[in-house]
Amino acid sequence: RALLIGQPSYGKNSLQLAFTLQDGSSLYITAARWWIPGSTPSSAAKGLQPDIPISPEEGRDRILQSAVEHLTRLP
């Protein structure tokens, strides 16, 4: 299982294809849905909670910094 660092994910649980139309507008079509094994589609739509929650800070990527620090401690 992966270690999640950062903020909760959006939880959209669908894949959309985007098409740009001639007038410059966009059309989005839902092409697939997925969910976490052992769960229901509605529970996957809640998003994933990080193991190490970190809030963003302007001018500094604290999430990336935390991930690098964690990875350098691995055996």
N, C-alpha and C. Protein backbone atom coordinates (compact mmCIF):
# COMPACT_ATOMS: atom_id res chain seq x y z
N ARG A 1 0.85 -1.18 0.00
CA ARG A 1 0.00 0.00 0.00
C ARG A 1 0.89 1.23 0.00
N ALA A 2 0.53 2.19 -0.80
CA ALA A 2 1.30 3.43 -0.89
C ALA A 2 1.02 4.33 0.31
N LEU A 3 1.99 5.13 0.67
CA LEU A 3 1.84 6.14 1.71
C LEU A 3 1.36 7.42 1.02
N LEU A 4 0.25 7.97 1.48
CA LEU A 4 -0.29 9.19 0.88
C LEU A 4 0.11 10.40 1.72
N ILE A 5 0.70 11.40 1.07
CA ILE A 5 1.14 12.62 1.73
C ILE A 5 0.48 13.80 1.05
N GLY A 6 -0.07 14.72 1.83
CA GLY A 6 -0.64 15.92 1.24
C GLY A 6 -2.04 16.21 1.73
N GLN A 7 -2.95 16.44 0.80
CA GLN A 7 -4.33 16.78 1.11
C GLN A 7 -5.26 15.69 0.59
N PRO A 8 -6.49 15.63 1.12
CA PRO A 8 -7.43 14.63 0.62
C PRO A 8 -7.65 14.78 -0.88
N SER A 9 -7.83 13.66 -1.56
CA SER A 9 -8.11 13.72 -3.00
C SER A 9 -9.56 14.15 -3.22
N TYR A 10 -9.84 14.55 -4.42
CA TYR A 10 -11.16 15.08 -4.77
C TYR A 10 -12.26 14.02 -4.65
N GLY A 11 -11.96 12.81 -5.07
CA GLY A 11 -12.95 11.74 -4.97
C GLY A 11 -13.95 11.69 -6.11
N LYS A 12 -13.56 12.12 -7.25
CA LYS A 12 -14.48 12.16 -8.40
C LYS A 12 -14.85 10.77 -8.89
N ASN A 13 -13.96 9.83 -8.81
CA ASN A 13 -14.08 8.42 -9.21
C ASN A 13 -14.61 8.19 -10.63
N SER A 14 -14.27 9.10 -11.53
CA SER A 14 -14.63 8.88 -12.93
C SER A 14 -13.54 9.45 -13.83
N LEU A 15 -13.51 8.95 -15.04
CA LEU A 15 -12.55 9.40 -16.05
C LEU A 15 -13.34 10.10 -17.14
N GLN A 16 -12.92 11.30 -17.48
CA GLN A 16 -13.61 12.04 -18.53
C GLN A 16 -12.69 12.29 -19.71
N LEU A 17 -13.29 12.25 -20.88
CA LEU A 17 -12.59 12.62 -22.11
C LEU A 17 -13.01 14.04 -22.45
N ALA A 18 -12.05 14.89 -22.79
CA ALA A 18 -12.34 16.28 -23.12
C ALA A 18 -12.15 16.50 -24.62
N PHE A 19 -13.11 17.15 -25.21
CA PHE A 19 -13.06 17.47 -26.64
C PHE A 19 -13.24 18.98 -26.80
N THR A 20 -12.36 19.61 -27.57
CA THR A 20 -12.50 21.03 -27.86
C THR A 20 -13.33 21.17 -29.13
N LEU A 21 -14.39 21.95 -29.03
CA LEU A 21 -15.30 22.15 -30.15
C LEU A 21 -14.82 23.30 -31.03
N GLN A 22 -15.39 23.42 -32.21
CA GLN A 22 -14.95 24.43 -33.18
C GLN A 22 -15.07 25.85 -32.65
N ASP A 23 -16.03 26.09 -31.79
CA ASP A 23 -16.21 27.45 -31.26
C ASP A 23 -15.32 27.73 -30.05
N GLY A 24 -14.44 26.77 -29.70
CA GLY A 24 -13.52 26.95 -28.58
C GLY A 24 -14.03 26.43 -27.25
N SER A 25 -15.30 26.07 -27.19
CA SER A 25 -15.84 25.51 -25.96
C SER A 25 -15.40 24.05 -25.84
N SER A 26 -15.67 23.45 -24.70
CA SER A 26 -15.26 22.06 -24.46
C SER A 26 -16.46 21.18 -24.15
N LEU A 27 -16.34 19.92 -24.53
CA LEU A 27 -17.33 18.91 -24.23
C LEU A 27 -16.63 17.82 -23.44
N TYR A 28 -17.16 17.48 -22.28
CA TYR A 28 -16.58 16.43 -21.43
C TYR A 28 -17.55 15.26 -21.39
N ILE A 29 -17.03 14.06 -21.66
CA ILE A 29 -17.84 12.85 -21.65
C ILE A 29 -17.24 11.88 -20.64
N THR A 30 -18.05 11.42 -19.69
CA THR A 30 -17.58 10.43 -18.73
C THR A 30 -17.41 9.11 -19.46
N ALA A 31 -16.18 8.57 -19.41
CA ALA A 31 -15.85 7.36 -20.16
C ALA A 31 -15.64 6.14 -19.27
N ALA A 32 -15.38 6.34 -17.98
CA ALA A 32 -15.13 5.21 -17.09
C ALA A 32 -15.35 5.64 -15.65
N ARG A 33 -15.58 4.66 -14.80
CA ARG A 33 -15.71 4.88 -13.36
C ARG A 33 -14.87 3.83 -12.66
N TRP A 34 -14.38 4.12 -11.49
CA TRP A 34 -13.63 3.13 -10.73
C TRP A 34 -13.90 3.33 -9.25
N TRP A 35 -13.50 2.33 -8.48
CA TRP A 35 -13.62 2.43 -7.03
C TRP A 35 -12.57 1.55 -6.38
N ILE A 36 -12.37 1.76 -5.10
CA ILE A 36 -11.37 1.02 -4.33
C ILE A 36 -11.87 -0.40 -4.12
N PRO A 37 -11.03 -1.43 -4.34
CA PRO A 37 -11.45 -2.81 -4.12
C PRO A 37 -12.03 -2.99 -2.71
N GLY A 38 -13.13 -3.70 -2.64
CA GLY A 38 -13.79 -3.95 -1.36
C GLY A 38 -14.71 -2.83 -0.92
N SER A 39 -14.88 -1.82 -1.75
CA SER A 39 -15.77 -0.71 -1.40
C SER A 39 -16.88 -0.62 -2.44
N THR A 40 -17.75 0.31 -2.24
CA THR A 40 -18.81 0.56 -3.22
C THR A 40 -18.44 1.82 -4.00
N PRO A 41 -19.00 2.00 -5.18
CA PRO A 41 -18.68 3.22 -5.95
C PRO A 41 -18.95 4.51 -5.16
N SER A 42 -19.99 4.53 -4.34
CA SER A 42 -20.30 5.76 -3.61
C SER A 42 -19.25 6.06 -2.54
N SER A 43 -18.64 5.02 -1.92
CA SER A 43 -17.62 5.29 -0.91
C SER A 43 -16.33 5.77 -1.55
N ALA A 44 -16.04 5.33 -2.78
CA ALA A 44 -14.83 5.79 -3.48
C ALA A 44 -14.96 7.27 -3.84
N ALA A 45 -16.18 7.74 -4.02
CA ALA A 45 -16.41 9.13 -4.41
C ALA A 45 -16.07 10.10 -3.28
N LYS A 46 -15.76 9.60 -2.10
CA LYS A 46 -15.41 10.47 -0.97
C LYS A 46 -13.96 10.93 -1.04
N GLY A 47 -13.17 10.34 -1.89
CA GLY A 47 -11.76 10.70 -1.99
C GLY A 47 -10.91 9.91 -1.01
N LEU A 48 -9.61 10.07 -1.12
CA LEU A 48 -8.67 9.38 -0.25
C LEU A 48 -8.11 10.36 0.77
N GLN A 49 -7.99 9.89 2.01
CA GLN A 49 -7.41 10.71 3.08
C GLN A 49 -5.92 10.41 3.17
N PRO A 50 -5.08 11.42 3.28
CA PRO A 50 -3.64 11.17 3.35
C PRO A 50 -3.23 10.57 4.69
N ASP A 51 -2.17 9.76 4.66
CA ASP A 51 -1.59 9.23 5.89
C ASP A 51 -0.86 10.34 6.65
N ILE A 52 -0.25 11.24 5.90
CA ILE A 52 0.45 12.39 6.47
C ILE A 52 -0.18 13.64 5.87
N PRO A 53 -1.16 14.24 6.58
CA PRO A 53 -1.81 15.42 6.03
C PRO A 53 -0.90 16.65 6.11
N ILE A 54 -0.81 17.39 5.02
CA ILE A 54 0.00 18.61 4.96
C ILE A 54 -0.78 19.65 4.16
N SER A 55 -0.87 20.84 4.71
CA SER A 55 -1.54 21.94 4.01
C SER A 55 -0.55 22.66 3.11
N PRO A 56 -1.02 23.15 1.97
CA PRO A 56 -0.12 23.89 1.08
C PRO A 56 0.30 25.22 1.70
N GLU A 57 1.47 25.68 1.31
CA GLU A 57 2.00 26.96 1.78
C GLU A 57 2.54 27.71 0.57
N GLU A 58 2.11 28.94 0.39
CA GLU A 58 2.52 29.71 -0.78
C GLU A 58 4.04 29.90 -0.81
N GLY A 59 4.62 29.68 -2.00
CA GLY A 59 6.04 29.87 -2.19
C GLY A 59 6.90 28.71 -1.74
N ARG A 60 6.28 27.64 -1.26
CA ARG A 60 7.04 26.50 -0.76
C ARG A 60 6.22 25.24 -0.98
N ASP A 61 6.81 24.20 -1.53
CA ASP A 61 6.10 22.95 -1.77
C ASP A 61 6.35 22.00 -0.60
N ARG A 62 5.58 22.19 0.48
CA ARG A 62 5.75 21.39 1.69
C ARG A 62 5.41 19.92 1.45
N ILE A 63 4.48 19.66 0.55
CA ILE A 63 4.10 18.28 0.28
C ILE A 63 5.25 17.54 -0.40
N LEU A 64 5.85 18.14 -1.40
CA LEU A 64 7.00 17.53 -2.06
C LEU A 64 8.16 17.38 -1.08
N GLN A 65 8.43 18.40 -0.29
CA GLN A 65 9.52 18.34 0.69
C GLN A 65 9.30 17.19 1.67
N SER A 66 8.08 17.02 2.16
CA SER A 66 7.78 15.93 3.09
C SER A 66 7.97 14.58 2.43
N ALA A 67 7.54 14.44 1.18
CA ALA A 67 7.69 13.17 0.46
C ALA A 67 9.16 12.82 0.29
N VAL A 68 9.99 13.80 -0.09
CA VAL A 68 11.42 13.55 -0.27
C VAL A 68 12.05 13.16 1.06
N GLU A 69 11.71 13.85 2.14
CA GLU A 69 12.25 13.51 3.46
C GLU A 69 11.86 12.08 3.86
N HIS A 70 10.62 11.72 3.60
CA HIS A 70 10.16 10.37 3.93
C HIS A 70 10.93 9.32 3.11
N LEU A 71 11.08 9.57 1.82
CA LEU A 71 11.76 8.60 0.95
C LEU A 71 13.23 8.45 1.31
N THR A 72 13.89 9.51 1.74
CA THR A 72 15.31 9.40 2.10
C THR A 72 15.52 8.63 3.39
N ARG A 73 14.48 8.45 4.19
CA ARG A 73 14.58 7.67 5.43
C ARG A 73 14.33 6.18 5.21
N LEU A 74 13.83 5.81 4.04
CA LEU A 74 13.55 4.39 3.78
C LEU A 74 14.85 3.60 3.67
N PRO A 75 14.80 2.33 4.09
CA PRO A 75 16.02 1.49 4.00
C PRO A 75 16.41 1.19 2.57
